[in-house]
Amino acid sequence: MTSRLLSHAADIELEVPPGLGILTVPGLHGSGPEHWQSRWERRFPDWQRVEQRDWSRPSLHLWAERVGDAVARVRRVAPRGAVLVAHSFGCLATLRQAANDPDGIAGAVLVAPADPDKFGVAPLLPTFRLPFPTLLAASRNDPWMAQRTAFTWGTLWGSELHDAGSLGHINADSGLGRWPEGLGLLGTLLQRIDARGAGRAHDKHGTAWEAGLEVIPTVPYI
């Protein structure tokens, strides 16, 4: 499946490899209509969103369960698994589900993760390399978590780290529109998953996806 996103900056082509599905994971209070996640969903209507029962209650356990349910739903139509595009507390829910059961998660883009210490959930998050590829984008002036802290966590998870510049919490208030740079990050992840044959969370031998992949400490893309 090939999709296109038109923006003032560029005409970006996004190719989703066969057998993969895209799942967005919003943060606290959900993503409103001007948020880049919502804009992407309108542009690509076959993508699905994780819907929380209570967007105002950041219960990591309950949110992670909903991520797991959505991943299972995507797998029914995308046998290679779901690629998660998470923002803020949605990143923490994604990571918690990955620690509980990574099966069905093919990869994840983690954008502006919320600081787990602010929610008292740091002990519930993984502190090891995840068995699927991840990209983490963090802003230099994010009020929800310092970039250095985000990169410290991302290094533990084996994420490729990207400096988003000074974009605040990388949300609707950041004035990003459709955020084509973020879509470019997703495209990079999809290419990596496809090239490495890492559509499933991990292979039958449990081989780590990241063999031979060097973590990039800070790669500005804006």
Protein backbone atom coordinates (compact mmCIF):
# COMPACT_ATOMS: atom_id res chain seq x y z
CA MET A 1 0.00 0.00 0.00
CA THR A 2 1.35 3.39 -0.97
CA SER A 3 0.01 6.63 0.48
CA ARG A 4 0.93 10.25 -0.17
CA LEU A 5 0.92 13.20 2.16
CA LEU A 6 0.96 16.67 0.61
CA SER A 7 2.33 19.56 2.63
CA HIS A 8 3.82 22.98 2.08
CA ALA A 9 7.25 21.49 2.76
CA ALA A 10 7.23 18.45 0.53
CA ASP A 11 5.28 15.78 -1.26
CA ILE A 12 6.12 12.79 0.90
CA GLU A 13 5.43 9.27 -0.23
CA LEU A 14 4.81 6.67 2.44
CA GLU A 15 4.86 3.01 1.59
CA VAL A 16 3.44 0.59 4.15
CA PRO A 17 4.86 -2.87 3.43
CA PRO A 18 2.32 -5.65 2.87
CA GLY A 19 1.11 -7.36 6.01
CA LEU A 20 1.70 -4.40 8.33
CA GLY A 21 -0.93 -2.14 9.89
CA ILE A 22 -0.56 1.35 11.38
CA LEU A 23 -1.97 2.06 14.83
CA THR A 24 -1.90 5.52 16.44
CA VAL A 25 -1.69 5.79 20.23
CA PRO A 26 -2.64 9.28 21.51
CA GLY A 27 -1.73 10.66 24.90
CA LEU A 28 -3.68 12.18 27.79
CA HIS A 29 -7.04 13.67 26.71
CA GLY A 30 -6.62 12.15 23.25
CA SER A 31 -5.47 13.96 20.12
CA GLY A 32 -7.78 16.73 18.92
CA PRO A 33 -8.58 17.49 15.28
CA GLU A 34 -5.53 19.73 14.77
CA HIS A 35 -3.05 17.24 16.23
CA TRP A 36 -0.72 15.65 13.68
CA GLN A 37 -1.98 12.17 14.66
CA SER A 38 -5.55 13.15 13.80
CA ARG A 39 -4.43 14.78 10.56
CA TRP A 40 -2.58 11.61 9.56
CA GLU A 41 -5.64 9.50 10.36
CA ARG A 42 -7.81 11.68 8.12
CA ARG A 43 -5.26 11.43 5.32
CA PHE A 44 -4.87 7.67 5.70
CA PRO A 45 -8.31 6.35 6.72
CA ASP A 46 -7.18 2.72 6.83
CA TRP A 47 -5.04 3.50 9.88
CA GLN A 48 -6.58 2.74 13.27
CA ARG A 49 -6.48 4.54 16.62
CA VAL A 50 -6.24 3.10 20.13
CA GLU A 51 -9.35 4.38 21.91
CA GLN A 52 -9.18 4.68 25.69
CA ARG A 53 -12.25 4.29 27.89
CA ASP A 54 -11.29 7.38 29.89
CA TRP A 55 -8.92 9.81 28.19
CA SER A 56 -8.65 11.96 31.32
CA ARG A 57 -7.48 9.13 33.59
CA PRO A 58 -3.88 8.09 32.83
CA SER A 59 -4.03 4.53 34.19
CA LEU A 60 -1.00 2.80 32.68
CA HIS A 61 -2.40 -0.68 33.25
CA LEU A 62 -5.75 0.09 31.61
CA TRP A 63 -4.21 2.06 28.76
CA ALA A 64 -1.73 -0.73 28.02
CA GLU A 65 -4.57 -3.24 27.91
CA ARG A 66 -6.29 -1.13 25.28
CA VAL A 67 -3.08 -1.04 23.26
CA GLY A 68 -2.92 -4.82 23.43
CA ASP A 69 -6.55 -5.15 22.32
CA ALA A 70 -5.94 -2.83 19.37
CA VAL A 71 -2.79 -4.70 18.32
CA ALA A 72 -4.75 -7.96 18.31
CA ARG A 73 -7.44 -6.31 16.19
CA VAL A 74 -4.90 -5.04 13.66
CA ARG A 75 -3.26 -8.45 13.41
CA ARG A 76 -6.49 -9.96 12.15
CA VAL A 77 -6.01 -8.00 8.92
CA ALA A 78 -2.24 -7.39 9.06
CA PRO A 79 -0.49 -10.70 9.82
CA ARG A 80 2.98 -9.15 10.16
CA GLY A 81 1.78 -6.99 13.01
CA ALA A 82 1.07 -3.41 13.99
CA VAL A 83 3.41 -0.45 13.76
CA LEU A 84 2.52 1.91 16.61
CA VAL A 85 2.74 5.69 16.30
CA ALA A 86 2.55 6.90 19.90
CA HIS A 87 2.56 10.31 21.55
CA SER A 88 3.14 11.42 25.16
CA PHE A 89 1.41 9.10 27.68
CA GLY A 90 0.51 6.91 24.72
CA CYS A 91 4.23 6.12 24.47
CA LEU A 92 4.23 4.90 28.07
CA ALA A 93 1.17 2.72 27.43
CA THR A 94 2.86 1.31 24.33
CA LEU A 95 6.02 0.53 26.28
CA ARG A 96 4.11 -1.08 29.13
CA GLN A 97 2.28 -3.35 26.68
CA ALA A 98 5.59 -4.17 25.01
CA ALA A 99 6.98 -5.23 28.38
CA ASN A 100 3.90 -7.36 29.07
CA ASP A 101 3.48 -8.93 25.64
CA PRO A 102 5.37 -7.69 22.56
CA ASP A 103 3.71 -10.24 20.29
CA GLY A 104 2.12 -8.51 17.34
CA ILE A 105 4.07 -5.25 17.66
CA ALA A 106 6.27 -4.86 14.59
CA GLY A 107 7.77 -1.50 15.57
CA ALA A 108 7.00 1.85 17.15
CA VAL A 109 7.57 5.56 16.65
CA LEU A 110 7.68 7.20 20.09
CA VAL A 111 7.05 10.95 19.90
CA ALA A 112 7.57 13.22 22.92
CA PRO A 113 7.15 10.55 25.61
CA ALA A 114 5.72 11.84 28.88
CA ASP A 115 8.05 11.65 31.87
CA PRO A 116 7.17 8.41 33.69
CA ASP A 117 8.32 9.91 36.98
CA LYS A 118 5.58 12.54 36.73
CA PHE A 119 3.01 9.76 36.70
CA GLY A 120 4.78 7.46 39.16
CA VAL A 121 5.07 4.64 36.62
CA ALA A 122 8.81 4.45 35.95
CA PRO A 123 9.14 1.02 37.66
CA LEU A 124 6.50 -0.36 35.28
CA LEU A 125 8.39 0.46 32.10
CA PRO A 126 10.97 -1.75 30.38
CA THR A 127 14.63 -0.99 31.00
CA PHE A 128 15.91 -3.27 28.24
CA ARG A 129 16.17 -3.30 24.47
CA LEU A 130 12.80 -3.96 22.95
CA PRO A 131 12.45 -6.93 20.56
CA PHE A 132 11.29 -4.68 17.72
CA PRO A 133 12.70 -1.49 16.13
CA THR A 134 11.77 1.89 17.57
CA LEU A 135 12.45 5.53 16.73
CA LEU A 136 12.16 8.15 19.45
CA ALA A 137 11.67 11.84 18.65
CA ALA A 138 12.10 14.36 21.46
CA SER A 139 11.95 18.15 21.55
CA ARG A 140 14.58 20.39 23.11
CA ASN A 141 11.96 22.35 25.08
CA ASP A 142 9.32 19.75 25.91
CA PRO A 143 7.65 20.65 29.24
CA TRP A 144 6.63 17.04 29.82
CA MET A 145 10.11 15.53 29.71
CA ALA A 146 13.58 16.94 29.15
CA GLN A 147 15.16 15.77 25.92
CA ARG A 148 18.16 14.36 27.73
CA THR A 149 15.88 12.27 29.96
CA ALA A 150 13.92 11.04 26.96
CA PHE A 151 17.13 10.02 25.21
CA THR A 152 18.34 8.21 28.32
CA TRP A 153 15.18 6.12 28.32
CA GLY A 154 15.36 5.62 24.57
CA THR A 155 18.89 4.29 24.81
CA LEU A 156 17.66 1.64 27.25
CA TRP A 157 14.98 0.61 24.78
CA GLY A 158 17.43 0.45 21.87
CA SER A 159 15.65 3.28 20.06
CA GLU A 160 17.11 5.35 17.28
CA LEU A 161 17.06 8.87 18.74
CA HIS A 162 16.01 11.99 16.85
CA ASP A 163 16.32 15.62 17.91
CA ALA A 164 13.09 17.34 16.87
CA GLY A 165 14.37 20.84 17.53
CA SER A 166 12.38 23.23 19.73
CA LEU A 167 8.80 22.07 19.20
CA GLY A 168 7.44 21.99 22.73
CA HIS A 169 5.44 18.81 23.32
CA ILE A 170 5.19 18.10 19.57
CA ASN A 171 1.42 18.43 19.64
CA ALA A 172 -1.28 20.65 18.16
CA ASP A 173 0.09 23.66 20.05
CA SER A 174 3.39 23.23 18.20
CA GLY A 175 1.77 24.40 14.96
CA LEU A 176 3.10 21.48 12.93
CA GLY A 177 0.15 20.97 10.64
CA ARG A 178 0.52 17.53 9.08
CA TRP A 179 4.11 17.31 10.35
CA PRO A 180 5.74 15.82 7.24
CA GLU A 181 9.04 15.34 9.07
CA GLY A 182 7.31 12.97 11.47
CA LEU A 183 5.81 11.06 8.58
CA GLY A 184 9.32 10.77 7.21
CA LEU A 185 10.40 9.15 10.47
CA LEU A 186 7.59 6.64 10.18
CA GLY A 187 8.67 5.89 6.63
CA THR A 188 12.22 5.26 7.82
CA LEU A 189 10.97 2.81 10.42
CA LEU A 190 8.78 0.98 7.91
CA GLN A 191 11.71 0.59 5.54
CA ARG A 192 13.84 -0.80 8.33
CA ILE A 193 11.18 -3.29 9.37
CA ASP A 194 10.74 -4.47 5.81
CA ALA A 195 14.46 -4.67 5.04
CA ARG A 196 15.22 -6.68 8.14
CA GLY A 197 12.24 -8.97 7.83
CA ALA A 198 11.17 -7.81 11.29
CA GLY A 199 7.44 -7.62 10.71
CA ARG A 200 6.83 -9.86 13.69
CA ALA A 201 7.73 -8.82 17.21
CA HIS A 202 10.52 -11.43 17.31
CA ASP A 203 11.39 -14.50 15.28
CA LYS A 204 11.03 -18.12 16.33
CA HIS A 205 14.57 -18.15 17.73
CA GLY A 206 14.01 -14.98 19.75
CA THR A 207 16.76 -13.19 17.81
CA ALA A 208 16.94 -9.50 18.65
CA TRP A 209 15.90 -7.25 15.77
CA GLU A 210 18.63 -4.77 16.49
CA ALA A 211 21.60 -7.01 15.68
CA GLY A 212 24.06 -4.85 13.84
CA LEU A 213 22.06 -1.64 14.25
CA GLU A 214 23.88 1.30 15.75
CA VAL A 215 21.83 3.60 17.94
CA ILE A 216 22.05 7.19 16.70
CA PRO A 217 22.36 9.51 19.71
CA THR A 218 20.98 12.69 18.16
CA VAL A 219 20.03 13.17 14.53
CA PRO A 220 18.32 16.50 13.78
CA TYR A 221 15.70 16.10 11.06
CA ILE A 222 14.27 19.62 11.03
